[in-house]
Protein backbone atom coordinates (compact mmCIF):
# COMPACT_ATOMS: atom_id res chain seq x y z
CA MET A 1 79.74 106.46 92.88
CA ALA A 2 79.31 109.01 95.63
CA HIS A 3 81.28 107.89 98.68
CA VAL A 4 85.06 107.45 98.78
CA ASN A 5 86.58 105.96 101.92
CA VAL A 6 89.80 107.75 102.97
CA ASP A 7 92.02 105.60 105.20
CA SER A 8 94.55 107.52 107.29
CA SER A 9 95.33 104.72 109.77
CA LYS A 10 98.91 104.18 108.54
CA TYR A 11 99.61 107.92 108.83
CA LYS A 12 98.19 107.95 112.38
CA ARG A 13 100.23 104.88 113.36
CA VAL A 14 103.50 106.41 112.09
CA HIS A 15 103.00 109.97 113.36
CA GLY A 16 100.88 109.33 116.45
CA LYS A 17 98.23 111.83 115.32
CA GLY A 18 95.90 112.48 112.45
CA PRO A 19 96.94 114.31 109.29
CA ARG A 20 96.47 118.08 109.33
CA GLY A 21 98.02 121.33 108.25
CA PHE A 22 99.82 122.53 105.14
CA GLY A 23 102.23 120.31 103.27
CA CYS A 24 102.82 117.99 100.36
CA TRP A 25 100.25 115.25 100.94
CA ALA A 26 100.52 111.87 99.22
CA PHE A 27 97.60 109.54 98.61
CA GLN A 28 97.63 106.04 97.18
CA ILE A 29 94.76 105.34 94.80
CA GLN A 30 94.97 101.75 93.58
CA ASP A 31 98.61 101.30 92.49
CA GLU A 32 99.34 105.00 91.87
CA VAL A 33 100.51 107.74 94.21
CA PHE A 34 99.16 111.27 93.81
CA THR A 35 100.56 114.31 95.63
CA PHE A 36 98.91 117.62 96.40
CA ILE A 37 100.46 120.70 97.99
CA ALA A 38 97.76 122.19 100.19
CA VAL A 39 96.26 122.03 103.65
CA TYR A 40 95.20 118.45 104.39
CA GLY A 41 91.46 119.09 104.04
CA LYS A 42 91.84 120.48 100.53
CA ALA A 43 94.35 117.80 99.52
CA LYS A 44 91.91 115.15 100.74
CA ARG A 45 89.10 116.69 98.67
CA LEU A 46 91.33 116.74 95.58
CA ALA A 47 92.38 113.12 96.15
CA THR A 48 88.76 112.09 96.64
CA ARG A 49 87.82 113.82 93.39
CA LYS A 50 90.64 111.98 91.59
CA ALA A 51 89.48 108.65 93.03
CA ARG A 52 85.95 109.30 91.77
CA GLN A 53 87.31 110.11 88.31
CA LEU A 54 89.11 106.76 88.35
CA GLY A 55 86.01 104.94 89.61
CA VAL A 56 87.64 103.98 92.91
CA SER A 57 85.90 103.99 96.30
CA TYR A 58 88.99 103.68 98.56
CA LEU A 59 92.21 105.65 98.96
CA GLN A 60 94.93 105.84 101.55
CA THR A 61 96.81 108.78 103.08
CA LEU A 62 100.51 107.95 102.98
CA SER A 63 103.00 108.86 105.69
């Protein structure tokens, strides 16, 4: 599995803009929530890597 779809639509709807910058970012992968303290781009890469390890092709950025 190569591609993981990252959905940030809920985050955008709540905050009125896309996710960016440094912080504690939470991602939902199936029924679990994973957090990463980093700039959003790196946190997204780490979450994508975790999703691949779990064999999942979809994750969501939480608000």
